Amino acid sequence: MNKEKTIFEKITTGIGILLSGFLAFFGLSEFYKIGILKQTEFYPFGGEGPVPYYYRTAELYSYVNLTYGIVFGTLIGIAIWNWKRNKISGFITFGLTIILIIIQVFHGLAE
């Protein structure tokens, strides 16, 4: 059964794709800049001040960003696949994006 997407579902799916794409790009670019290029001069590594725990070392920070980049990259892949195949609701991909953003925020607050 081929169901037609509503305009609201297309918009939410598009927003989910854009958010996931931005966050995947940000995570992977931070991994590349810190983990591979070793450009760490503007980062407060060492756990000084009000920063998340993964700022203790550059390596930990780069791995956390790599993980989030892969997770959001996978989600954008699922969302694009869903856009073409229309197998699951666009609200689900948008909801997963929002849930992952909330997880990332609370992960940054954890000590």
Protein backbone atom coordinates (compact mmCIF):
# COMPACT_ATOMS: atom_id res chain seq x y z
CA MET A 1 0.00 0.00 0.00
CA ASN A 2 1.51 3.30 -1.09
CA LYS A 3 0.47 6.10 1.22
CA GLU A 4 0.86 9.71 0.21
CA LYS A 5 2.83 12.03 2.48
CA THR A 6 1.14 15.10 3.85
CA ILE A 7 2.82 18.47 3.47
CA PHE A 8 3.42 18.65 7.23
CA GLU A 9 5.12 15.26 7.18
CA LYS A 10 7.34 16.37 4.29
CA ILE A 11 8.31 19.51 6.21
CA THR A 12 9.13 17.61 9.41
CA THR A 13 11.14 15.04 7.46
CA GLY A 14 13.02 17.84 5.69
CA ILE A 15 13.77 19.58 8.98
CA GLY A 16 14.97 16.27 10.44
CA ILE A 17 17.27 15.72 7.45
CA LEU A 18 18.67 19.25 7.72
CA LEU A 19 19.27 19.01 11.48
CA SER A 20 20.82 15.55 11.23
CA GLY A 21 22.99 16.66 8.34
CA PHE A 22 24.23 19.72 10.17
CA LEU A 23 25.02 17.79 13.35
CA ALA A 24 26.69 14.95 11.43
CA PHE A 25 28.85 17.48 9.58
CA PHE A 26 29.70 19.31 12.80
CA GLY A 27 30.68 16.12 14.66
CA LEU A 28 32.78 14.74 11.82
CA SER A 29 34.46 18.09 11.14
CA GLU A 30 35.38 18.46 14.83
CA PHE A 31 36.83 14.95 14.78
CA TYR A 32 38.85 15.81 11.68
CA LYS A 33 40.07 19.13 13.07
CA ILE A 34 41.00 17.84 16.56
CA GLY A 35 41.66 14.13 16.04
CA ILE A 36 43.48 14.21 12.72
CA LEU A 37 44.83 17.75 12.18
CA LYS A 38 45.57 18.27 15.92
CA GLN A 39 44.39 21.91 15.89
CA THR A 40 43.76 22.24 19.61
CA GLU A 41 45.00 25.73 20.45
CA PHE A 42 41.53 27.29 20.87
CA TYR A 43 40.01 24.51 23.00
CA PRO A 44 39.99 24.39 26.82
CA PHE A 45 41.23 20.83 27.21
CA GLY A 46 42.15 19.67 30.68
CA GLY A 47 38.73 19.98 32.32
CA GLU A 48 39.20 23.57 33.47
CA GLY A 49 36.09 25.66 33.88
CA PRO A 50 32.49 24.80 33.14
CA VAL A 51 33.01 22.35 30.26
CA PRO A 52 31.70 18.81 29.69
CA TYR A 53 33.77 15.88 30.94
CA TYR A 54 34.93 14.96 27.45
CA TYR A 55 37.05 18.12 27.29
CA ARG A 56 39.58 16.38 29.57
CA THR A 57 41.67 15.30 26.59
CA ALA A 58 41.68 16.12 22.90
CA GLU A 59 41.46 12.43 22.06
CA LEU A 60 38.31 11.90 24.17
CA TYR A 61 36.71 15.01 22.68
CA SER A 62 37.45 13.90 19.14
CA TYR A 63 36.06 10.39 19.76
CA VAL A 64 32.85 11.77 21.27
CA ASN A 65 32.39 13.98 18.21
CA LEU A 66 33.17 11.08 15.90
CA THR A 67 30.51 9.00 17.64
CA TYR A 68 27.87 11.70 17.32
CA GLY A 69 28.89 12.34 13.71
CA ILE A 70 28.40 8.67 12.85
CA VAL A 71 25.09 8.44 14.74
CA PHE A 72 23.63 11.54 13.07
CA GLY A 73 25.08 10.44 9.72
CA THR A 74 23.30 7.11 10.07
CA LEU A 75 20.09 8.90 10.96
CA ILE A 76 20.34 11.16 7.90
CA GLY A 77 20.90 8.06 5.77
CA ILE A 78 17.76 6.45 7.21
CA ALA A 79 15.78 9.68 6.72
CA ILE A 80 16.85 10.03 3.07
CA TRP A 81 16.12 6.35 2.44
CA ASN A 82 12.71 6.85 4.02
CA TRP A 83 12.08 9.97 1.93
CA LYS A 84 12.49 7.89 -1.24
CA ARG A 85 10.85 4.63 -0.09
CA ASN A 86 8.15 6.01 2.22
CA LYS A 87 8.34 2.97 4.53
CA ILE A 88 8.07 4.69 7.92
CA SER A 89 6.50 7.92 9.04
CA GLY A 90 8.53 11.10 8.63
CA PHE A 91 7.51 12.00 12.16
CA ILE A 92 9.56 9.05 13.42
CA THR A 93 12.77 10.26 11.77
CA PHE A 94 12.12 13.80 12.98
CA GLY A 95 11.40 12.49 16.49
CA LEU A 96 14.58 10.43 16.49
CA THR A 97 16.54 13.52 15.49
CA ILE A 98 15.06 15.52 18.36
CA ILE A 99 15.69 12.65 20.82
CA LEU A 100 19.33 12.41 19.72
CA ILE A 101 19.78 16.17 20.10
CA ILE A 102 18.39 15.96 23.64
CA ILE A 103 20.71 13.03 24.41
CA GLN A 104 23.67 15.03 23.09
CA VAL A 105 22.75 18.04 25.24
CA PHE A 106 22.34 15.93 28.39
CA HIS A 107 25.57 14.08 27.60
CA GLY A 108 27.33 17.42 27.61
CA LEU A 109 25.81 18.24 31.00
CA ALA A 110 26.94 14.95 32.58
CA GLU A 111 29.91 15.14 34.87
